[in-house]
């Protein structure tokens, strides 16, 4: 073996299988469905079953595929830029998802910090309480918020009984109701990564900062918070990405003027039966959501290189 070349250890059969499993999973449940949706987005909409006319079929072979590449239609993508509805839906989804993530962080960070400061014997129970909402159907939890937020719901009944308001608050069927539903539904995705990031920190770091004259608040902002940022970013992505494409929450808690891409996508698929346009909406949404993922991955690689 020549000097200077790093020695590469050969992987065993079992290790290769373990490494192949996640790639196979991504291929079957991400890449293949994405290619199928992308294929539909390049087709023409027709009033029949299926409600689109495929330019080519996979069974026709590679030669036919190459010949028909020039027949692919980009009309569905052109419609996305011509109709303001789609741009408004994308911007509305990004705005509500970003605002919900920001509100969720303001709630989740103190909760996660309190969990790490609790006695260690309490922490398993606190983690169970944090993920307890996942034990109930997502749909049932959203319906519960309808009961709470409606004009004659529990929240208004309580506030009126306490004489804090004179008339019911108009929360249901507004963007505020959608924000409440999204924040509540995805809160565990925020709490757990932040809790893990804070819990892994060495307590001696804060103690050293206090010994050097830092106050408790200063030690938090200069030591605890910066070291917890990877968990904050991970939790924010886990909440932001599914919130952008959320359909159930805006459909049940939002009003008729609540524009989110999930509702627009559903309308194109099932109401208008325009599958090519709906597929184009889905493809663009996926490409938009890849941007924060790539930025996060790049930041993680930069941090890893710095630590080396």
C-alpha atoms as a PDB file:
ATOM      1  CA  UNK A   1       0.000   0.000   0.000  1.00  0.00           C
ATOM      2  CA  UNK A   2       1.433   3.353  -1.061  1.00  0.00           C
ATOM      3  CA  UNK A   3       2.146   5.957   1.581  1.00  0.00           C
ATOM      4  CA  UNK A   4      -0.277   8.824   1.946  1.00  0.00           C
ATOM      5  CA  UNK A   5      -3.363   6.934   0.750  1.00  0.00           C
ATOM      6  CA  UNK A   6      -6.002   6.446   3.430  1.00  0.00           C
ATOM      7  CA  UNK A   7      -6.849   2.856   4.187  1.00  0.00           C
ATOM      8  CA  UNK A   8     -10.435   2.038   3.243  1.00  0.00           C
ATOM      9  CA  UNK A   9     -12.007  -0.736   5.246  1.00  0.00           C
ATOM     10  CA  UNK A  10     -14.153  -3.069   3.179  1.00  0.00           C
ATOM     11  CA  UNK A  11     -17.741  -3.348   4.270  1.00  0.00           C
ATOM     12  CA  UNK A  12     -19.202  -6.708   5.076  1.00  0.00           C
ATOM     13  CA  UNK A  13     -22.368  -8.094   3.526  1.00  0.00           C
ATOM     14  CA  UNK A  14     -24.470  -7.234   6.572  1.00  0.00           C
ATOM     15  CA  UNK A  15     -23.207  -3.649   6.624  1.00  0.00           C
ATOM     16  CA  UNK A  16     -23.934  -3.249   2.930  1.00  0.00           C
ATOM     17  CA  UNK A  17     -27.478  -4.485   3.452  1.00  0.00           C
ATOM     18  CA  UNK A  18     -28.006  -2.061   6.323  1.00  0.00           C
ATOM     19  CA  UNK A  19     -26.740   0.822   4.188  1.00  0.00           C
ATOM     20  CA  UNK A  20     -28.895  -0.253   1.241  1.00  0.00           C
ATOM     21  CA  UNK A  21     -32.141  -0.331   3.235  1.00  0.00           C
ATOM     22  CA  UNK A  22     -32.558   3.471   3.654  1.00  0.00           C
ATOM     23  CA  UNK A  23     -31.568   4.077   0.017  1.00  0.00           C
ATOM     24  CA  UNK A  24     -34.090   1.474  -1.116  1.00  0.00           C
ATOM     25  CA  UNK A  25     -36.730   3.086   1.086  1.00  0.00           C
ATOM     26  CA  UNK A  26     -36.071   6.510  -0.451  1.00  0.00           C
ATOM     27  CA  UNK A  27     -36.116   5.027  -3.938  1.00  0.00           C
ATOM     28  CA  UNK A  28     -39.454   3.253  -3.481  1.00  0.00           C
ATOM     29  CA  UNK A  29     -41.342   5.835  -1.410  1.00  0.00           C
ATOM     30  CA  UNK A  30     -39.793   9.117  -2.550  1.00  0.00           C
ATOM     31  CA  UNK A  31     -38.007   8.955  -5.898  1.00  0.00           C
ATOM     32  CA  UNK A  32     -40.480   6.630  -7.668  1.00  0.00           C
ATOM     33  CA  UNK A  33     -43.651   8.538  -6.606  1.00  0.00           C
ATOM     34  CA  UNK A  34     -41.961  11.838  -7.434  1.00  0.00           C
ATOM     35  CA  UNK A  35     -41.101  10.629 -10.955  1.00  0.00           C
ATOM     36  CA  UNK A  36     -44.670   9.429 -11.419  1.00  0.00           C
ATOM     37  CA  UNK A  37     -46.087  12.800 -10.334  1.00  0.00           C
ATOM     38  CA  UNK A  38     -43.556  14.627 -12.535  1.00  0.00           C
ATOM     39  CA  UNK A  39     -44.663  12.457 -15.481  1.00  0.00           C
ATOM     40  CA  UNK A  40     -48.317  13.424 -14.928  1.00  0.00           C
ATOM     41  CA  UNK A  41     -47.361  17.107 -14.707  1.00  0.00           C
ATOM     42  CA  UNK A  42     -45.967  16.902 -18.263  1.00  0.00           C
ATOM     43  CA  UNK A  43     -49.194  15.439 -19.650  1.00  0.00           C
ATOM     44  CA  UNK A  44     -52.363  17.013 -21.040  1.00  0.00           C
ATOM     45  CA  UNK A  45     -55.608  17.218 -19.038  1.00  0.00           C
ATOM     46  CA  UNK A  46     -58.604  15.412 -20.610  1.00  0.00           C
ATOM     47  CA  UNK A  47     -62.178  14.709 -19.469  1.00  0.00           C
ATOM     48  CA  UNK A  48     -61.893  10.948 -19.048  1.00  0.00           C
ATOM     49  CA  UNK A  49     -60.369   8.303 -16.808  1.00  0.00           C
ATOM     50  CA  UNK A  50     -57.603   8.910 -15.949  1.00  0.00           C
ATOM     51  CA  UNK A  51     -58.180  12.671 -16.289  1.00  0.00           C
ATOM     52  CA  UNK A  52     -54.960  13.183 -18.255  1.00  0.00           C
ATOM     53  CA  UNK A  53     -53.468  11.934 -21.492  1.00  0.00           C
ATOM     54  CA  UNK A  54     -50.024  10.445 -20.898  1.00  0.00           C
ATOM     55  CA  UNK A  55     -47.434  11.311 -23.520  1.00  0.00           C
ATOM     56  CA  UNK A  56     -45.704   7.983 -23.037  1.00  0.00           C
ATOM     57  CA  UNK A  57     -45.977   4.848 -20.933  1.00  0.00           C
ATOM     58  CA  UNK A  58     -43.101   3.233 -19.079  1.00  0.00           C
ATOM     59  CA  UNK A  59     -43.955  -0.100 -20.733  1.00  0.00           C
ATOM     60  CA  UNK A  60     -43.238   1.273 -24.206  1.00  0.00           C
ATOM     61  CA  UNK A  61     -39.507   1.044 -23.677  1.00  0.00           C
ATOM     62  CA  UNK A  62     -36.565   3.395 -23.640  1.00  0.00           C
ATOM     63  CA  UNK A  63     -36.499   4.045 -27.405  1.00  0.00           C
ATOM     64  CA  UNK A  64     -40.097   5.295 -27.447  1.00  0.00           C
ATOM     65  CA  UNK A  65     -39.374   7.374 -24.358  1.00  0.00           C
ATOM     66  CA  UNK A  66     -36.536   9.207 -26.130  1.00  0.00           C
ATOM     67  CA  UNK A  67     -38.662   9.769 -29.232  1.00  0.00           C
ATOM     68  CA  UNK A  68     -41.534  11.310 -27.292  1.00  0.00           C
ATOM     69  CA  UNK A  69     -39.458  13.635 -25.126  1.00  0.00           C
ATOM     70  CA  UNK A  70     -40.223  16.463 -27.542  1.00  0.00           C
ATOM     71  CA  UNK A  71     -43.968  15.921 -27.049  1.00  0.00           C
ATOM     72  CA  UNK A  72     -43.906  16.634 -23.324  1.00  0.00           C
ATOM     73  CA  UNK A  73     -46.182  19.510 -22.381  1.00  0.00           C
ATOM     74  CA  UNK A  74     -45.144  22.316 -20.046  1.00  0.00           C
ATOM     75  CA  UNK A  75     -48.558  23.966 -20.195  1.00  0.00           C
ATOM     76  CA  UNK A  76     -49.349  22.989 -16.589  1.00  0.00           C
ATOM     77  CA  UNK A  77     -46.239  24.800 -15.345  1.00  0.00           C
ATOM     78  CA  UNK A  78     -47.056  27.806 -17.512  1.00  0.00           C
ATOM     79  CA  UNK A  79     -50.489  28.016 -15.884  1.00  0.00           C
ATOM     80  CA  UNK A  80     -48.872  28.307 -12.445  1.00  0.00           C
ATOM     81  CA  UNK A  81     -47.215  31.563 -13.509  1.00  0.00           C
ATOM     82  CA  UNK A  82     -50.275  32.903 -15.327  1.00  0.00           C
ATOM     83  CA  UNK A  83     -52.852  32.448 -12.555  1.00  0.00           C
ATOM     84  CA  UNK A  84     -52.290  34.523  -9.403  1.00  0.00           C
ATOM     85  CA  UNK A  85     -54.126  31.898  -7.333  1.00  0.00           C
ATOM     86  CA  UNK A  86     -51.128  29.570  -7.269  1.00  0.00           C
ATOM     87  CA  UNK A  87     -48.594  32.248  -6.346  1.00  0.00           C
ATOM     88  CA  UNK A  88     -50.938  33.507  -3.606  1.00  0.00           C
ATOM     89  CA  UNK A  89     -51.340  29.934  -2.319  1.00  0.00           C
ATOM     90  CA  UNK A  90     -47.578  29.374  -2.208  1.00  0.00           C
ATOM     91  CA  UNK A  91     -46.944  32.681  -0.448  1.00  0.00           C
ATOM     92  CA  UNK A  92     -49.850  32.102   1.944  1.00  0.00           C
ATOM     93  CA  UNK A  93     -48.508  28.658   2.868  1.00  0.00           C
ATOM     94  CA  UNK A  94     -44.974  29.955   3.408  1.00  0.00           C
ATOM     95  CA  UNK A  95     -46.236  32.874   5.495  1.00  0.00           C
ATOM     96  CA  UNK A  96     -48.499  30.787   7.752  1.00  0.00           C
ATOM     97  CA  UNK A  97     -45.923  27.999   8.098  1.00  0.00           C
ATOM     98  CA  UNK A  98     -43.131  30.458   8.979  1.00  0.00           C
ATOM     99  CA  UNK A  99     -45.323  32.326  11.472  1.00  0.00           C
ATOM    100  CA  UNK A 100     -46.516  29.066  13.048  1.00  0.00           C
ATOM    101  CA  UNK A 101     -42.905  27.877  13.335  1.00  0.00           C
ATOM    102  CA  UNK A 102     -41.855  31.144  14.985  1.00  0.00           C
ATOM    103  CA  UNK A 103     -44.740  30.983  17.476  1.00  0.00           C
ATOM    104  CA  UNK A 104     -44.012  27.316  18.096  1.00  0.00           C
ATOM    105  CA  UNK A 105     -40.362  28.058  18.863  1.00  0.00           C
ATOM    106  CA  UNK A 106     -41.379  30.723  21.384  1.00  0.00           C
ATOM    107  CA  UNK A 107     -43.482  28.106  23.172  1.00  0.00           C
ATOM    108  CA  UNK A 108     -41.353  24.996  22.654  1.00  0.00           C
ATOM    109  CA  UNK A 109     -37.994  26.419  23.748  1.00  0.00           C
ATOM    110  CA  UNK A 110     -39.078  27.340  27.312  1.00  0.00           C
ATOM    111  CA  UNK A 111     -40.844  23.967  27.610  1.00  0.00           C
ATOM    112  CA  UNK A 112     -37.750  22.071  26.467  1.00  0.00           C
ATOM    113  CA  UNK A 113     -35.523  24.153  28.747  1.00  0.00           C
ATOM    114  CA  UNK A 114     -37.799  23.466  31.716  1.00  0.00           C
ATOM    115  CA  UNK A 115     -37.699  19.739  30.922  1.00  0.00           C
ATOM    116  CA  UNK A 116     -33.885  19.733  31.030  1.00  0.00           C
ATOM    117  CA  UNK A 117     -33.908  21.631  34.340  1.00  0.00           C
ATOM    118  CA  UNK A 118     -36.376  19.206  35.942  1.00  0.00           C
ATOM    119  CA  UNK A 119     -35.095  16.351  38.143  1.00  0.00           C
ATOM    120  CA  UNK A 120     -33.732  13.539  35.998  1.00  0.00           C
ATOM    121  CA  UNK A 121     -36.290  11.075  37.400  1.00  0.00           C
ATOM    122  CA  UNK A 122     -39.094  13.275  36.049  1.00  0.00           C
ATOM    123  CA  UNK A 123     -37.766  13.595  32.515  1.00  0.00           C
ATOM    124  CA  UNK A 124     -39.107  10.308  31.061  1.00  0.00           C
ATOM    125  CA  UNK A 125     -42.602  11.261  32.213  1.00  0.00           C
ATOM    126  CA  UNK A 126     -42.225  14.756  30.765  1.00  0.00           C
ATOM    127  CA  UNK A 127     -41.117  13.326  27.408  1.00  0.00           C
ATOM    128  CA  UNK A 128     -44.150  11.027  27.414  1.00  0.00           C
ATOM    129  CA  UNK A 129     -46.409  14.022  28.091  1.00  0.00           C
ATOM    130  CA  UNK A 130     -44.773  15.919  25.225  1.00  0.00           C
ATOM    131  CA  UNK A 131     -45.533  13.168  22.716  1.00  0.00           C
ATOM    132  CA  UNK A 132     -48.885  12.155  24.253  1.00  0.00           C
ATOM    133  CA  UNK A 133     -50.931  14.071  21.607  1.00  0.00           C
ATOM    134  CA  UNK A 134     -49.563  11.684  18.966  1.00  0.00           C
ATOM    135  CA  UNK A 135     -51.464   8.865  20.656  1.00  0.00           C
ATOM    136  CA  UNK A 136     -54.731  10.416  19.490  1.00  0.00           C
ATOM    137  CA  UNK A 137     -55.910  10.630  15.895  1.00  0.00           C
ATOM    138  CA  UNK A 138     -54.744  13.794  14.151  1.00  0.00           C
ATOM    139  CA  UNK A 139     -58.238  14.361  12.780  1.00  0.00           C
ATOM    140  CA  UNK A 140     -59.851  14.073  16.203  1.00  0.00           C
ATOM    141  CA  UNK A 141     -57.409  16.601  17.649  1.00  0.00           C
ATOM    142  CA  UNK A 142     -58.243  19.114  14.927  1.00  0.00           C
ATOM    143  CA  UNK A 143     -61.972  18.572  15.444  1.00  0.00           C
ATOM    144  CA  UNK A 144     -61.415  19.238  19.155  1.00  0.00           C
ATOM    145  CA  UNK A 145     -60.095  22.697  18.275  1.00  0.00           C
ATOM    146  CA  UNK A 146     -63.305  23.359  16.350  1.00  0.00           C
ATOM    147  CA  UNK A 147     -65.241  22.723  19.568  1.00  0.00           C
ATOM    148  CA  UNK A 148     -62.896  25.041  21.457  1.00  0.00           C
ATOM    149  CA  UNK A 149     -62.629  27.931  18.982  1.00  0.00           C
ATOM    150  CA  UNK A 150     -66.148  28.249  17.548  1.00  0.00           C
ATOM    151  CA  UNK A 151     -68.202  31.316  18.480  1.00  0.00           C
ATOM    152  CA  UNK A 152     -70.240  29.204  20.920  1.00  0.00           C
ATOM    153  CA  UNK A 153     -67.237  27.068  21.812  1.00  0.00           C
ATOM    154  CA  UNK A 154     -65.495  26.373  25.102  1.00  0.00           C
ATOM    155  CA  UNK A 155     -63.014  29.260  24.877  1.00  0.00           C
ATOM    156  CA  UNK A 156     -65.636  31.946  24.305  1.00  0.00           C
ATOM    157  CA  UNK A 157     -67.923  30.394  26.908  1.00  0.00           C
ATOM    158  CA  UNK A 158     -65.121  30.558  29.486  1.00  0.00           C
ATOM    159  CA  UNK A 159     -64.120  34.136  28.637  1.00  0.00           C
ATOM    160  CA  UNK A 160     -67.743  35.296  28.713  1.00  0.00           C
ATOM    161  CA  UNK A 161     -68.291  33.567  32.056  1.00  0.00           C
ATOM    162  CA  UNK A 162     -65.250  35.327  33.517  1.00  0.00           C
ATOM    163  CA  UNK A 163     -66.526  38.635  32.034  1.00  0.00           C
ATOM    164  CA  UNK A 164     -63.228  39.147  30.200  1.00  0.00           C
ATOM    165  CA  UNK A 165     -65.053  39.817  26.927  1.00  0.00           C
ATOM    166  CA  UNK A 166     -68.491  41.207  26.051  1.00  0.00           C
ATOM    167  CA  UNK A 167     -69.021  39.281  22.820  1.00  0.00           C
ATOM    168  CA  UNK A 168     -67.555  36.070  21.361  1.00  0.00           C
ATOM    169  CA  UNK A 169     -64.148  36.279  19.740  1.00  0.00           C
ATOM    170  CA  UNK A 170     -64.104  35.568  16.003  1.00  0.00           C
ATOM    171  CA  UNK A 171     -61.255  33.048  15.923  1.00  0.00           C
ATOM    172  CA  UNK A 172     -62.741  30.044  14.158  1.00  0.00           C
ATOM    173  CA  UNK A 173     -62.526  30.071  10.325  1.00  0.00           C
ATOM    174  CA  UNK A 174     -59.648  32.575  10.364  1.00  0.00           C
ATOM    175  CA  UNK A 175     -55.891  32.390   9.829  1.00  0.00           C
ATOM    176  CA  UNK A 176     -55.463  32.599  13.607  1.00  0.00           C
ATOM    177  CA  UNK A 177     -57.323  29.322  14.022  1.00  0.00           C
ATOM    178  CA  UNK A 178     -55.063  27.751  11.387  1.00  0.00           C
ATOM    179  CA  UNK A 179     -51.977  28.996  13.249  1.00  0.00           C
ATOM    180  CA  UNK A 180     -53.261  27.580  16.529  1.00  0.00           C
ATOM    181  CA  UNK A 181     -53.993  24.231  14.898  1.00  0.00           C
ATOM    182  CA  UNK A 182     -50.597  23.978  13.202  1.00  0.00           C
ATOM    183  CA  UNK A 183     -48.655  25.018  16.311  1.00  0.00           C
ATOM    184  CA  UNK A 184     -50.513  22.522  18.482  1.00  0.00           C
ATOM    185  CA  UNK A 185     -50.293  19.676  15.948  1.00  0.00           C
ATOM    186  CA  UNK A 186     -46.540  19.913  15.366  1.00  0.00           C
ATOM    187  CA  UNK A 187     -45.357  21.079  18.786  1.00  0.00           C
ATOM    188  CA  UNK A 188     -43.687  17.734  19.715  1.00  0.00           C
ATOM    189  CA  UNK A 189     -41.518  18.013  16.597  1.00  0.00           C
ATOM    190  CA  UNK A 190     -40.127  21.226  18.075  1.00  0.00           C
ATOM    191  CA  UNK A 191     -39.830  20.254  21.721  1.00  0.00           C
ATOM    192  CA  UNK A 192     -37.917  16.995  21.350  1.00  0.00           C
ATOM    193  CA  UNK A 193     -34.984  18.192  19.150  1.00  0.00           C
ATOM    194  CA  UNK A 194     -34.512  21.278  21.329  1.00  0.00           C
ATOM    195  CA  UNK A 195     -34.684  19.181  24.498  1.00  0.00           C
ATOM    196  CA  UNK A 196     -32.097  16.770  23.091  1.00  0.00           C
ATOM    197  CA  UNK A 197     -29.748  19.619  22.088  1.00  0.00           C
ATOM    198  CA  UNK A 198     -29.923  21.243  25.542  1.00  0.00           C
ATOM    199  CA  UNK A 199     -29.750  17.963  27.475  1.00  0.00           C
ATOM    200  CA  UNK A 200     -26.494  16.960  25.733  1.00  0.00           C
ATOM    201  CA  UNK A 201     -24.708  20.115  26.863  1.00  0.00           C
ATOM    202  CA  UNK A 202     -22.121  19.830  29.598  1.00  0.00           C
ATOM    203  CA  UNK A 203     -23.330  21.558  32.799  1.00  0.00           C
ATOM    204  CA  UNK A 204     -19.735  22.571  33.518  1.00  0.00           C
ATOM    205  CA  UNK A 205     -19.868  25.072  30.641  1.00  0.00           C
ATOM    206  CA  UNK A 206     -22.557  27.147  32.342  1.00  0.00           C
ATOM    207  CA  UNK A 207     -20.798  26.792  35.677  1.00  0.00           C
ATOM    208  CA  UNK A 208     -17.557  28.034  34.125  1.00  0.00           C
ATOM    209  CA  UNK A 209     -19.382  31.038  32.656  1.00  0.00           C
ATOM    210  CA  UNK A 210     -20.894  31.832  36.055  1.00  0.00           C
ATOM    211  CA  UNK A 211     -17.451  31.503  37.718  1.00  0.00           C
ATOM    212  CA  UNK A 212     -16.107  34.044  35.217  1.00  0.00           C
ATOM    213  CA  UNK A 213     -18.697  36.567  36.324  1.00  0.00           C
ATOM    214  CA  UNK A 214     -21.567  35.994  33.900  1.00  0.00           C
ATOM    215  CA  UNK A 215     -25.088  36.307  35.232  1.00  0.00           C
ATOM    216  CA  UNK A 216     -27.601  33.505  34.762  1.00  0.00           C
ATOM    217  CA  UNK A 217     -29.228  35.273  31.822  1.00  0.00           C
ATOM    218  CA  UNK A 218     -25.871  36.114  30.243  1.00  0.00           C
ATOM    219  CA  UNK A 219     -24.684  32.514  30.627  1.00  0.00           C
ATOM    220  CA  UNK A 220     -27.860  31.320  28.917  1.00  0.00           C
ATOM    221  CA  UNK A 221     -27.491  33.641  25.909  1.00  0.00           C
ATOM    222  CA  UNK A 222     -23.741  33.079  25.523  1.00  0.00           C
ATOM    223  CA  UNK A 223     -23.527  29.351  26.267  1.00  0.00           C
ATOM    224  CA  UNK A 224     -26.819  27.447  26.392  1.00  0.00           C
ATOM    225  CA  UNK A 225     -28.654  29.108  23.529  1.00  0.00           C
ATOM    226  CA  UNK A 226     -25.847  29.037  20.906  1.00  0.00           C
ATOM    227  CA  UNK A 227     -25.142  25.378  21.634  1.00  0.00           C
ATOM    228  CA  UNK A 228     -28.833  24.530  21.268  1.00  0.00           C
ATOM    229  CA  UNK A 229     -29.185  26.116  17.816  1.00  0.00           C
ATOM    230  CA  UNK A 230     -28.725  22.803  15.905  1.00  0.00           C
ATOM    231  CA  UNK A 231     -31.757  21.451  17.760  1.00  0.00           C
ATOM    232  CA  UNK A 232     -33.672  24.662  17.093  1.00  0.00           C
ATOM    233  CA  UNK A 233     -32.937  24.485  13.355  1.00  0.00           C
ATOM    234  CA  UNK A 234     -33.804  20.768  13.188  1.00  0.00           C
ATOM    235  CA  UNK A 235     -37.085  21.287  15.042  1.00  0.00           C
ATOM    236  CA  UNK A 236     -37.963  24.305  12.903  1.00  0.00           C
ATOM    237  CA  UNK A 237     -37.485  22.255   9.725  1.00  0.00           C
ATOM    238  CA  UNK A 238     -39.519  19.356  11.119  1.00  0.00           C
ATOM    239  CA  UNK A 239     -42.380  21.773  11.718  1.00  0.00           C
ATOM    240  CA  UNK A 240     -42.049  24.165   8.789  1.00  0.00           C
ATOM    241  CA  UNK A 241     -41.854  21.598   5.971  1.00  0.00           C
ATOM    242  CA  UNK A 242     -45.059  19.636   6.750  1.00  0.00           C
ATOM    243  CA  UNK A 243     -46.852  22.863   7.738  1.00  0.00           C
ATOM    244  CA  UNK A 244     -46.318  24.304   4.242  1.00  0.00           C
ATOM    245  CA  UNK A 245     -48.224  21.438   2.645  1.00  0.00           C
ATOM    246  CA  UNK A 246     -50.818  21.104   5.415  1.00  0.00           C
ATOM    247  CA  UNK A 247     -54.358  20.394   4.210  1.00  0.00           C
ATOM    248  CA  UNK A 248     -56.437  19.110   7.140  1.00  0.00           C
ATOM    249  CA  UNK A 249     -55.854  22.060   9.485  1.00  0.00           C
ATOM    250  CA  UNK A 250     -56.646  24.876   6.998  1.00  0.00           C
ATOM    251  CA  UNK A 251     -59.571  22.919   5.576  1.00  0.00           C
ATOM    252  CA  UNK A 252     -61.229  22.385   8.982  1.00  0.00           C
ATOM    253  CA  UNK A 253     -60.123  25.488  10.903  1.00  0.00           C
ATOM    254  CA  UNK A 254     -59.549  28.021   8.128  1.00  0.00           C
ATOM    255  CA  UNK A 255     -62.014  30.239   6.348  1.00  0.00           C
ATOM    256  CA  UNK A 256     -62.878  30.488   2.675  1.00  0.00           C
ATOM    257  CA  UNK A 257     -60.183  33.149   2.242  1.00  0.00           C
ATOM    258  CA  UNK A 258     -57.432  31.010   3.799  1.00  0.00           C
ATOM    259  CA  UNK A 259     -55.092  30.260   0.919  1.00  0.00           C
ATOM    260  CA  UNK A 260     -52.676  27.380   1.429  1.00  0.00           C
ATOM    261  CA  UNK A 261     -51.162  25.215  -1.245  1.00  0.00           C
ATOM    262  CA  UNK A 262     -52.533  22.004   0.295  1.00  0.00           C
ATOM    263  CA  UNK A 263     -56.127  23.132  -0.251  1.00  0.00           C
ATOM    264  CA  UNK A 264     -55.336  24.350  -3.774  1.00  0.00           C
ATOM    265  CA  UNK A 265     -53.705  21.015  -4.551  1.00  0.00           C
ATOM    266  CA  UNK A 266     -56.742  19.104  -3.294  1.00  0.00           C
ATOM    267  CA  UNK A 267     -59.123  21.262  -5.346  1.00  0.00           C
ATOM    268  CA  UNK A 268     -57.129  20.678  -8.521  1.00  0.00           C
ATOM    269  CA  UNK A 269     -57.013  16.923  -8.006  1.00  0.00           C
ATOM    270  CA  UNK A 270     -60.552  16.185  -6.835  1.00  0.00           C
ATOM    271  CA  UNK A 271     -62.746  19.204  -7.633  1.00  0.00           C
ATOM    272  CA  UNK A 272     -61.328  20.414 -10.960  1.00  0.00           C
ATOM    273  CA  UNK A 273     -59.866  16.997 -11.851  1.00  0.00           C
ATOM    274  CA  UNK A 274     -56.908  18.735 -13.478  1.00  0.00           C
ATOM    275  CA  UNK A 275     -54.215  16.233 -12.573  1.00  0.00           C
ATOM    276  CA  UNK A 276     -51.384  17.732 -14.673  1.00  0.00           C
ATOM    277  CA  UNK A 277     -51.795  21.145 -13.006  1.00  0.00           C
ATOM    278  CA  UNK A 278     -52.113  19.555  -9.557  1.00  0.00           C
ATOM    279  CA  UNK A 279     -48.965  17.504 -10.208  1.00  0.00           C
ATOM    280  CA  UNK A 280     -47.106  20.620 -11.342  1.00  0.00           C
ATOM    281  CA  UNK A 281     -48.178  22.357  -8.111  1.00  0.00           C
ATOM    282  CA  UNK A 282     -46.840  19.403  -6.106  1.00  0.00           C
ATOM    283  CA  UNK A 283     -43.523  19.304  -7.998  1.00  0.00           C
ATOM    284  CA  UNK A 284     -42.899  23.033  -7.520  1.00  0.00           C
ATOM    285  CA  UNK A 285     -43.822  22.774  -3.831  1.00  0.00           C
ATOM    286  CA  UNK A 286     -41.342  19.932  -3.350  1.00  0.00           C
ATOM    287  CA  UNK A 287     -38.577  21.875  -5.100  1.00  0.00           C
ATOM    288  CA  UNK A 288     -39.289  24.921  -2.928  1.00  0.00           C
ATOM    289  CA  UNK A 289     -39.089  22.811   0.237  1.00  0.00           C
ATOM    290  CA  UNK A 290     -35.774  21.325  -0.854  1.00  0.00           C
ATOM    291  CA  UNK A 291     -34.139  24.748  -0.455  1.00  0.00           C
ATOM    292  CA  UNK A 292     -34.230  24.896   3.386  1.00  0.00           C
ATOM    293  CA  UNK A 293     -33.195  21.234   3.544  1.00  0.00           C
ATOM    294  CA  UNK A 294     -30.148  21.876   1.373  1.00  0.00           C
ATOM    295  CA  UNK A 295     -29.246  24.987   3.375  1.00  0.00           C
ATOM    296  CA  UNK A 296     -29.529  23.023   6.615  1.00  0.00           C
ATOM    297  CA  UNK A 297     -27.401  20.190   5.250  1.00  0.00           C
ATOM    298  CA  UNK A 298     -24.778  22.662   4.046  1.00  0.00           C
ATOM    299  CA  UNK A 299     -24.693  24.309   7.467  1.00  0.00           C
ATOM    300  CA  UNK A 300     -24.303  20.933   9.177  1.00  0.00           C
ATOM    301  CA  UNK A 301     -21.401  20.011   6.896  1.00  0.00           C
ATOM    302  CA  UNK A 302     -19.739  23.353   7.639  1.00  0.00           C
ATOM    303  CA  UNK A 303     -20.116  22.768  11.383  1.00  0.00           C
ATOM    304  CA  UNK A 304     -18.670  19.248  11.066  1.00  0.00           C
ATOM    305  CA  UNK A 305     -15.665  20.546   9.126  1.00  0.00           C
ATOM    306  CA  UNK A 306     -15.090  23.253  11.743  1.00  0.00           C
ATOM    307  CA  UNK A 307     -15.101  20.719  14.575  1.00  0.00           C
ATOM    308  CA  UNK A 308     -12.470  18.652  12.785  1.00  0.00           C
END
